[in-house]
Amino acid sequence: MSGWARFGNVIIPLSSVTSISIKSTGDGKFYVEVHRYAGGSLVFHQTPVIATKAEADRTAERIAYGLYWEGT
């Protein structure tokens, strides 16, 4: 992957991303979790809670294509 994504005040290069997954909160809502390597360690970032699975799917796609800028 190439490009960038922003989570709050952290801008990450998509080239460091190892996985993007949609997780359930357990109450019918979702969030997207992104794992990446930073400084030799595996770290993760989460989106805020998302109301629907369809919206979570779109958010995951936006992250994968470098179109996600949370906090702007």
N, C-alpha and C. Protein backbone atom coordinates (compact mmCIF):
# COMPACT_ATOMS: atom_id res chain seq x y z
N MET A 1 0.84 -1.17 0.00
CA MET A 1 0.00 0.00 0.00
C MET A 1 0.88 1.23 0.00
N SER A 2 0.41 2.26 -0.65
CA SER A 2 1.13 3.52 -0.62
C SER A 2 0.17 4.62 -0.21
N GLY A 3 0.72 5.70 0.28
CA GLY A 3 -0.10 6.80 0.74
C GLY A 3 0.00 6.94 2.25
N TRP A 4 -0.94 7.68 2.81
CA TRP A 4 -0.92 8.02 4.23
C TRP A 4 -2.33 7.97 4.81
N ALA A 5 -2.41 7.77 6.10
CA ALA A 5 -3.68 7.85 6.82
C ALA A 5 -3.41 8.63 8.11
N ARG A 6 -4.43 9.34 8.57
CA ARG A 6 -4.28 10.12 9.79
C ARG A 6 -5.24 9.62 10.85
N PHE A 7 -4.72 9.38 12.04
CA PHE A 7 -5.50 9.00 13.22
C PHE A 7 -5.22 10.04 14.29
N GLY A 8 -6.15 10.98 14.45
CA GLY A 8 -5.91 12.07 15.40
C GLY A 8 -4.72 12.89 14.95
N ASN A 9 -3.68 12.99 15.77
CA ASN A 9 -2.50 13.75 15.37
C ASN A 9 -1.35 12.84 14.94
N VAL A 10 -1.65 11.57 14.62
CA VAL A 10 -0.64 10.63 14.13
C VAL A 10 -0.89 10.38 12.65
N ILE A 11 0.10 10.68 11.83
CA ILE A 11 0.02 10.40 10.40
C ILE A 11 0.90 9.19 10.13
N ILE A 12 0.31 8.15 9.52
CA ILE A 12 1.07 6.92 9.31
C ILE A 12 1.23 6.65 7.81
N PRO A 13 2.41 6.15 7.43
CA PRO A 13 2.60 5.73 6.04
C PRO A 13 1.93 4.37 5.85
N LEU A 14 1.15 4.24 4.80
CA LEU A 14 0.46 2.96 4.57
C LEU A 14 1.44 1.84 4.27
N SER A 15 2.66 2.17 3.86
CA SER A 15 3.67 1.13 3.61
C SER A 15 4.04 0.37 4.88
N SER A 16 3.76 0.96 6.06
CA SER A 16 4.08 0.29 7.33
C SER A 16 2.92 -0.56 7.86
N VAL A 17 1.76 -0.50 7.18
CA VAL A 17 0.57 -1.21 7.65
C VAL A 17 0.68 -2.71 7.35
N THR A 18 0.40 -3.52 8.37
CA THR A 18 0.42 -4.97 8.18
C THR A 18 -0.98 -5.55 8.04
N SER A 19 -1.98 -4.89 8.63
CA SER A 19 -3.36 -5.38 8.49
C SER A 19 -4.36 -4.28 8.80
N ILE A 20 -5.52 -4.42 8.17
CA ILE A 20 -6.67 -3.56 8.42
C ILE A 20 -7.84 -4.48 8.67
N SER A 21 -8.48 -4.36 9.83
CA SER A 21 -9.60 -5.26 10.13
C SER A 21 -10.75 -4.51 10.76
N ILE A 22 -11.94 -5.05 10.54
CA ILE A 22 -13.16 -4.49 11.12
C ILE A 22 -13.50 -5.31 12.35
N LYS A 23 -13.70 -4.64 13.47
CA LYS A 23 -13.99 -5.30 14.73
C LYS A 23 -15.36 -4.85 15.25
N SER A 24 -16.02 -5.75 15.93
CA SER A 24 -17.31 -5.43 16.55
C SER A 24 -17.09 -4.95 17.97
N THR A 25 -17.91 -3.98 18.39
CA THR A 25 -17.85 -3.51 19.77
C THR A 25 -18.66 -4.42 20.69
N GLY A 26 -19.47 -5.31 20.09
CA GLY A 26 -20.31 -6.21 20.87
C GLY A 26 -21.73 -5.73 21.04
N ASP A 27 -21.98 -4.49 20.65
CA ASP A 27 -23.34 -3.95 20.79
C ASP A 27 -23.92 -3.49 19.45
N GLY A 28 -23.48 -4.15 18.38
CA GLY A 28 -24.00 -3.84 17.05
C GLY A 28 -23.28 -2.70 16.35
N LYS A 29 -22.23 -2.19 16.93
CA LYS A 29 -21.43 -1.14 16.31
C LYS A 29 -20.05 -1.70 15.99
N PHE A 30 -19.27 -0.93 15.25
CA PHE A 30 -17.99 -1.42 14.76
C PHE A 30 -16.91 -0.35 14.87
N TYR A 31 -15.67 -0.78 14.68
CA TYR A 31 -14.54 0.12 14.52
C TYR A 31 -13.54 -0.58 13.60
N VAL A 32 -12.65 0.20 13.03
CA VAL A 32 -11.61 -0.36 12.17
C VAL A 32 -10.29 -0.27 12.92
N GLU A 33 -9.55 -1.36 12.91
CA GLU A 33 -8.27 -1.42 13.59
C GLU A 33 -7.17 -1.60 12.55
N VAL A 34 -6.12 -0.81 12.66
CA VAL A 34 -4.99 -0.86 11.74
C VAL A 34 -3.74 -1.23 12.54
N HIS A 35 -3.07 -2.28 12.11
CA HIS A 35 -1.81 -2.69 12.72
C HIS A 35 -0.67 -2.26 11.80
N ARG A 36 0.41 -1.80 12.42
CA ARG A 36 1.56 -1.38 11.62
C ARG A 36 2.83 -1.50 12.46
N TYR A 37 3.95 -1.51 11.75
CA TYR A 37 5.23 -1.49 12.44
C TYR A 37 5.73 -0.06 12.58
N ALA A 38 6.18 0.27 13.77
CA ALA A 38 6.76 1.58 14.06
C ALA A 38 7.94 1.38 15.00
N GLY A 39 9.12 1.72 14.55
CA GLY A 39 10.30 1.58 15.39
C GLY A 39 10.57 0.15 15.82
N GLY A 40 10.25 -0.81 14.96
CA GLY A 40 10.49 -2.22 15.26
C GLY A 40 9.42 -2.88 16.10
N SER A 41 8.41 -2.15 16.49
CA SER A 41 7.32 -2.71 17.30
C SER A 41 6.02 -2.69 16.52
N LEU A 42 5.16 -3.68 16.78
CA LEU A 42 3.83 -3.70 16.18
C LEU A 42 2.91 -2.85 17.04
N VAL A 43 2.29 -1.84 16.43
CA VAL A 43 1.36 -0.96 17.13
C VAL A 43 0.04 -0.96 16.40
N PHE A 44 -1.01 -0.47 17.05
CA PHE A 44 -2.29 -0.40 16.36
C PHE A 44 -2.99 0.92 16.63
N HIS A 45 -3.88 1.26 15.69
CA HIS A 45 -4.70 2.46 15.77
C HIS A 45 -6.14 2.03 15.53
N GLN A 46 -7.08 2.71 16.16
CA GLN A 46 -8.50 2.41 15.99
C GLN A 46 -9.25 3.66 15.57
N THR A 47 -10.26 3.45 14.73
CA THR A 47 -11.16 4.55 14.40
C THR A 47 -12.13 4.73 15.57
N PRO A 48 -12.81 5.86 15.62
CA PRO A 48 -13.92 5.97 16.55
C PRO A 48 -15.00 4.94 16.19
N VAL A 49 -15.94 4.71 17.09
CA VAL A 49 -17.01 3.74 16.85
C VAL A 49 -17.82 4.16 15.63
N ILE A 50 -18.17 3.17 14.82
CA ILE A 50 -18.91 3.38 13.57
C ILE A 50 -20.25 2.66 13.71
N ALA A 51 -21.32 3.30 13.27
CA ALA A 51 -22.68 2.81 13.52
C ALA A 51 -23.04 1.54 12.75
N THR A 52 -22.56 1.38 11.51
CA THR A 52 -23.00 0.23 10.71
C THR A 52 -21.81 -0.51 10.12
N LYS A 53 -22.02 -1.77 9.79
CA LYS A 53 -20.99 -2.60 9.15
C LYS A 53 -20.64 -2.03 7.78
N ALA A 54 -21.64 -1.56 7.04
CA ALA A 54 -21.39 -0.99 5.71
C ALA A 54 -20.49 0.24 5.81
N GLU A 55 -20.73 1.07 6.79
CA GLU A 55 -19.89 2.26 6.98
C GLU A 55 -18.48 1.85 7.40
N ALA A 56 -18.37 0.83 8.23
CA ALA A 56 -17.05 0.32 8.63
C ALA A 56 -16.30 -0.24 7.42
N ASP A 57 -17.00 -0.94 6.53
CA ASP A 57 -16.38 -1.44 5.30
C ASP A 57 -15.84 -0.28 4.46
N ARG A 58 -16.64 0.76 4.30
CA ARG A 58 -16.21 1.94 3.52
C ARG A 58 -15.00 2.62 4.19
N THR A 59 -15.02 2.69 5.51
CA THR A 59 -13.90 3.31 6.24
C THR A 59 -12.63 2.50 6.04
N ALA A 60 -12.73 1.18 6.12
CA ALA A 60 -11.56 0.32 5.90
C ALA A 60 -11.01 0.52 4.49
N GLU A 61 -11.89 0.63 3.51
CA GLU A 61 -11.45 0.89 2.13
C GLU A 61 -10.76 2.25 2.03
N ARG A 62 -11.34 3.26 2.66
CA ARG A 62 -10.73 4.59 2.63
C ARG A 62 -9.33 4.57 3.25
N ILE A 63 -9.15 3.82 4.32
CA ILE A 63 -7.83 3.69 4.94
C ILE A 63 -6.87 3.03 3.95
N ALA A 64 -7.31 1.94 3.35
CA ALA A 64 -6.44 1.18 2.42
C ALA A 64 -6.00 2.02 1.23
N TYR A 65 -6.84 2.97 0.80
CA TYR A 65 -6.50 3.82 -0.34
C TYR A 65 -5.91 5.15 0.05
N GLY A 66 -5.62 5.34 1.33
CA GLY A 66 -4.99 6.58 1.79
C GLY A 66 -5.93 7.77 1.82
N LEU A 67 -7.22 7.50 2.01
CA LEU A 67 -8.22 8.56 2.00
C LEU A 67 -8.82 8.83 3.38
N TYR A 68 -8.21 8.31 4.44
CA TYR A 68 -8.75 8.46 5.78
C TYR A 68 -7.96 9.52 6.54
N TRP A 69 -8.65 10.57 6.98
CA TRP A 69 -8.02 11.65 7.73
C TRP A 69 -8.87 11.99 8.94
N GLU A 70 -8.81 11.17 9.96
CA GLU A 70 -9.55 11.41 11.20
C GLU A 70 -8.96 12.62 11.91
N GLY A 71 -9.82 13.45 12.45
CA GLY A 71 -9.36 14.56 13.26
C GLY A 71 -9.08 15.83 12.49
N THR A 72 -9.53 15.90 11.24
CA THR A 72 -9.30 17.14 10.48
C THR A 72 -10.57 17.94 10.43
